[in-house]
């Protein structure tokens, strides 16, 4: 009976360990240990409900590293992975700071940051006292990320582009806020990088115009509707 109880106890521990491992695989990024897109969206949905109840704005920041592909190609994927891990640590550090910015976010900073994949990260700032607070955090993140980092003996500098969407001003649904923040990020990137922009409706209209123009150009090529002219 004692032996059977030991075997049962061991089996229970193995099941618990397997469940924990499956939970981590399903909800967290393997490389950075940050929440993945799915867990971030679940957290954002919860925070949006709190935002609606407390009538305080919430900000979603969408971040991309402008020159990451060049680093990945020149130094290899291993160096690129190390850089992404360092970026994740710096983002957590920005939200854990003990100064005035720390009260804008949940005490568990890791749950407010996600690696969406590749060199894309998302952050959520809840219970904001003012919309300007999101800009302060974005500037802090930018300043921290452009500080040189040593990866495999190389001193590297990354330039982030950050887009910011505000709830309820830009919507109260997860998909809409992420789309708006992404549009603002692309607009910030087009200005030269190491910059952040708040979303406005003109950005989405510009993206839709670009998609329409690309579609029309593809059709024009297929229909032989383009002609070449030389101008002195």
Protein backbone atom coordinates (compact mmCIF):
# COMPACT_ATOMS: atom_id res chain seq x y z
CA UNK A 1 0.00 0.00 0.00
CA UNK A 2 2.87 2.38 0.83
CA UNK A 3 4.55 1.63 -2.50
CA UNK A 4 1.27 2.22 -4.35
CA UNK A 5 0.82 5.57 -2.60
CA UNK A 6 4.35 6.60 -3.61
CA UNK A 7 3.67 5.66 -7.23
CA UNK A 8 0.37 7.56 -7.17
CA UNK A 9 2.07 10.62 -5.67
CA UNK A 10 4.80 10.49 -8.34
CA UNK A 11 2.22 10.16 -11.13
CA UNK A 12 0.29 13.14 -9.75
CA UNK A 13 3.45 15.26 -9.69
CA UNK A 14 4.25 14.28 -13.29
CA UNK A 15 0.73 15.20 -14.41
CA UNK A 16 1.00 18.58 -12.66
CA UNK A 17 4.38 19.23 -14.27
CA UNK A 18 3.02 18.30 -17.71
CA UNK A 19 0.02 20.61 -17.26
CA UNK A 20 2.32 23.46 -16.25
CA UNK A 21 4.53 22.84 -19.28
CA UNK A 22 1.52 22.79 -21.61
CA UNK A 23 0.27 26.03 -20.06
CA UNK A 24 3.62 27.70 -20.68
CA UNK A 25 3.79 26.44 -24.27
CA UNK A 26 0.26 27.64 -24.99
CA UNK A 27 0.53 31.08 -23.41
CA UNK A 28 4.15 32.21 -23.35
CA UNK A 29 6.80 32.94 -25.96
CA UNK A 30 9.59 30.36 -25.79
CA UNK A 31 12.36 32.79 -26.63
CA UNK A 32 11.60 35.70 -24.30
CA UNK A 33 9.24 34.01 -21.78
CA UNK A 34 6.85 36.94 -22.32
CA UNK A 35 3.13 36.34 -22.81
CA UNK A 36 2.30 35.43 -26.40
CA UNK A 37 -0.33 37.08 -28.55
CA UNK A 38 -3.16 34.87 -27.28
CA UNK A 39 -2.51 35.53 -23.59
CA UNK A 40 -1.97 39.26 -24.23
CA UNK A 41 -5.33 39.50 -26.00
CA UNK A 42 -7.06 37.75 -23.08
CA UNK A 43 -5.41 40.17 -20.66
CA UNK A 44 -6.35 43.15 -22.82
CA UNK A 45 -9.99 42.06 -22.96
CA UNK A 46 -10.05 41.95 -19.17
CA UNK A 47 -8.39 45.36 -18.83
CA UNK A 48 -10.83 46.89 -21.33
CA UNK A 49 -13.73 45.81 -19.11
CA UNK A 50 -12.00 47.44 -16.14
CA UNK A 51 -11.40 50.55 -18.28
CA UNK A 52 -15.11 50.79 -19.12
CA UNK A 53 -16.13 50.33 -15.50
CA UNK A 54 -13.66 52.89 -14.08
CA UNK A 55 -13.95 55.39 -16.95
CA UNK A 56 -10.17 55.73 -17.20
CA UNK A 57 -8.27 55.58 -20.51
CA UNK A 58 -6.14 52.63 -21.57
CA UNK A 59 -3.28 52.65 -24.08
CA UNK A 60 -2.00 49.93 -26.40
CA UNK A 61 1.55 50.37 -27.69
CA UNK A 62 2.68 48.38 -30.73
CA UNK A 63 6.44 48.26 -31.24
CA UNK A 64 8.68 47.18 -34.11
CA UNK A 65 12.50 47.19 -34.41
CA UNK A 66 13.39 49.04 -37.61
CA UNK A 67 16.79 47.51 -38.38
CA UNK A 68 16.34 44.04 -36.90
CA UNK A 69 16.34 42.19 -40.23
CA UNK A 70 19.76 43.62 -41.10
CA UNK A 71 21.19 42.46 -37.77
CA UNK A 72 19.63 39.04 -38.20
CA UNK A 73 21.04 38.63 -41.70
CA UNK A 74 24.55 39.93 -40.94
CA UNK A 75 25.18 38.31 -37.54
CA UNK A 76 22.95 35.24 -37.72
CA UNK A 77 19.75 34.05 -36.09
CA UNK A 78 21.43 33.26 -32.77
CA UNK A 79 22.52 36.89 -32.35
CA UNK A 80 19.05 38.01 -33.42
CA UNK A 81 17.45 35.80 -30.77
CA UNK A 82 19.77 37.20 -28.08
CA UNK A 83 18.84 40.72 -29.14
CA UNK A 84 15.12 39.96 -28.92
CA UNK A 85 15.62 38.57 -25.40
CA UNK A 86 17.47 41.72 -24.34
CA UNK A 87 14.72 43.91 -25.80
CA UNK A 88 12.15 41.96 -23.76
CA UNK A 89 14.15 42.52 -20.56
CA UNK A 90 14.47 46.23 -21.24
CA UNK A 91 10.75 46.59 -21.87
CA UNK A 92 9.97 44.90 -18.55
CA UNK A 93 12.49 47.20 -16.88
CA UNK A 94 10.73 50.25 -18.28
CA UNK A 95 7.44 49.24 -16.65
CA UNK A 96 9.02 48.20 -13.37
CA UNK A 97 10.68 51.57 -12.73
CA UNK A 98 10.07 53.07 -9.32
CA UNK A 99 9.41 56.62 -10.54
CA UNK A 100 6.12 58.30 -11.41
CA UNK A 101 5.51 56.07 -14.45
CA UNK A 102 5.24 52.91 -12.38
CA UNK A 103 1.69 53.63 -11.16
CA UNK A 104 0.35 53.69 -14.73
CA UNK A 105 0.66 49.92 -15.14
CA UNK A 106 -0.16 46.71 -13.34
CA UNK A 107 2.40 45.62 -10.76
CA UNK A 108 2.99 42.45 -12.78
CA UNK A 109 4.84 44.12 -15.65
CA UNK A 110 5.41 40.84 -17.53
CA UNK A 111 1.65 40.48 -18.12
CA UNK A 112 1.50 43.92 -19.74
CA UNK A 113 4.06 43.10 -22.43
CA UNK A 114 3.89 40.55 -25.21
CA UNK A 115 6.08 39.40 -28.06
CA UNK A 116 3.71 39.00 -30.98
CA UNK A 117 6.32 37.31 -33.14
CA UNK A 118 9.46 38.29 -35.03
CA UNK A 119 10.53 41.73 -33.86
CA UNK A 120 7.04 42.91 -32.88
CA UNK A 121 6.03 43.61 -29.28
CA UNK A 122 2.86 44.96 -27.71
CA UNK A 123 2.33 46.74 -24.39
CA UNK A 124 -0.81 47.77 -22.54
CA UNK A 125 -0.99 50.62 -20.02
CA UNK A 126 -4.13 50.66 -17.91
CA UNK A 127 -5.67 53.06 -15.42
CA UNK A 128 -4.03 56.10 -17.05
CA UNK A 129 -4.53 59.43 -15.36
CA UNK A 130 -4.12 61.14 -18.73
CA UNK A 131 -3.45 60.21 -22.34
CA UNK A 132 -0.14 62.06 -22.21
CA UNK A 133 1.12 59.38 -19.82
CA UNK A 134 1.23 56.90 -22.71
CA UNK A 135 3.54 59.26 -24.59
CA UNK A 136 5.84 59.48 -21.56
CA UNK A 137 6.10 55.69 -21.40
CA UNK A 138 6.68 55.45 -25.17
CA UNK A 139 9.50 57.99 -24.95
CA UNK A 140 11.00 56.14 -22.02
CA UNK A 141 10.90 52.87 -24.00
CA UNK A 142 12.50 54.55 -27.03
CA UNK A 143 15.29 56.08 -24.95
CA UNK A 144 16.02 52.74 -23.28
CA UNK A 145 16.03 50.66 -26.46
CA UNK A 146 18.38 52.94 -28.43
CA UNK A 147 21.03 52.50 -25.74
CA UNK A 148 23.78 50.24 -27.20
CA UNK A 149 23.64 46.55 -26.28
CA UNK A 150 26.47 44.03 -26.59
CA UNK A 151 25.44 40.86 -28.45
CA UNK A 152 28.05 38.16 -29.21
CA UNK A 153 30.84 40.70 -28.88
CA UNK A 154 29.15 43.23 -31.15
CA UNK A 155 27.81 46.59 -29.95
CA UNK A 156 24.39 47.00 -31.50
CA UNK A 157 21.80 49.76 -31.52
CA UNK A 158 18.17 49.14 -32.44
CA UNK A 159 15.70 51.83 -33.45
CA UNK A 160 12.11 51.19 -32.36
CA UNK A 161 8.98 52.55 -33.99
CA UNK A 162 5.97 52.71 -31.67
CA UNK A 163 2.30 53.22 -32.46
CA UNK A 164 -0.18 54.14 -29.73
CA UNK A 165 -3.93 53.56 -29.68
CA UNK A 166 -6.13 54.85 -26.86
CA UNK A 167 -9.33 53.36 -25.46
CA UNK A 168 -12.06 54.51 -25.53
CA UNK A 169 -11.02 57.27 -27.96
CA UNK A 170 -9.93 54.82 -30.70
CA UNK A 171 -12.38 52.06 -29.79
CA UNK A 172 -13.13 49.54 -27.09
CA UNK A 173 -12.48 46.25 -28.89
CA UNK A 174 -9.18 44.36 -28.94
CA UNK A 175 -8.93 43.88 -32.70
CA UNK A 176 -9.64 47.53 -33.46
CA UNK A 177 -7.12 48.84 -30.93
CA UNK A 178 -4.37 46.52 -32.15
CA UNK A 179 -5.08 47.47 -35.77
CA UNK A 180 -4.98 51.17 -34.89
CA UNK A 181 -1.75 50.83 -32.90
CA UNK A 182 -0.19 48.89 -35.78
CA UNK A 183 -1.21 51.58 -38.30
CA UNK A 184 0.35 54.26 -36.09
CA UNK A 185 3.51 52.17 -35.77
CA UNK A 186 3.88 51.88 -39.56
CA UNK A 187 3.38 55.63 -39.88
CA UNK A 188 6.06 56.24 -37.21
CA UNK A 189 8.40 53.90 -39.05
CA UNK A 190 7.92 55.80 -42.30
CA UNK A 191 9.16 58.97 -40.61
CA UNK A 192 12.59 57.45 -39.99
CA UNK A 193 12.28 55.33 -36.87
CA UNK A 194 13.13 55.88 -33.19
CA UNK A 195 9.79 57.63 -32.97
CA UNK A 196 6.27 57.14 -31.63
CA UNK A 197 2.94 58.39 -32.90
CA UNK A 198 -0.62 58.38 -31.58
CA UNK A 199 -3.20 56.88 -33.94
CA UNK A 200 -5.55 59.08 -35.91
CA UNK A 201 -8.13 58.13 -38.55
CA UNK A 202 -6.06 59.53 -41.43
CA UNK A 203 -3.46 56.78 -40.88
CA UNK A 204 -5.91 53.97 -41.55
CA UNK A 205 -7.24 55.78 -44.62
CA UNK A 206 -3.69 56.05 -45.95
CA UNK A 207 -3.11 52.32 -45.41
CA UNK A 208 -6.33 51.49 -47.23
CA UNK A 209 -5.30 53.75 -50.12
CA UNK A 210 -1.94 51.95 -50.35
CA UNK A 211 -3.65 48.54 -50.44
CA UNK A 212 -6.05 49.76 -53.14
CA UNK A 213 -3.22 51.25 -55.21
CA UNK A 214 -1.20 48.01 -54.98
CA UNK A 215 -4.21 45.98 -56.08
CA UNK A 216 -4.86 48.30 -59.03
CA UNK A 217 -1.20 48.18 -60.09
CA UNK A 218 -1.24 44.38 -60.07
CA UNK A 219 -4.32 44.39 -62.31
CA UNK A 220 -2.71 46.99 -64.57
CA UNK A 221 0.37 44.79 -65.06
CA UNK A 222 -1.79 41.75 -65.88
CA UNK A 223 -3.83 43.81 -68.36
CA UNK A 224 -0.77 45.45 -69.92
CA UNK A 225 -2.15 48.89 -69.00
CA UNK A 226 1.20 50.50 -68.07
CA UNK A 227 3.33 52.43 -70.55
CA UNK A 228 6.88 53.72 -70.20
CA UNK A 229 7.81 57.33 -70.97
CA UNK A 230 11.25 58.94 -70.91
CA UNK A 231 11.53 62.48 -69.62
CA UNK A 232 14.69 64.52 -70.36
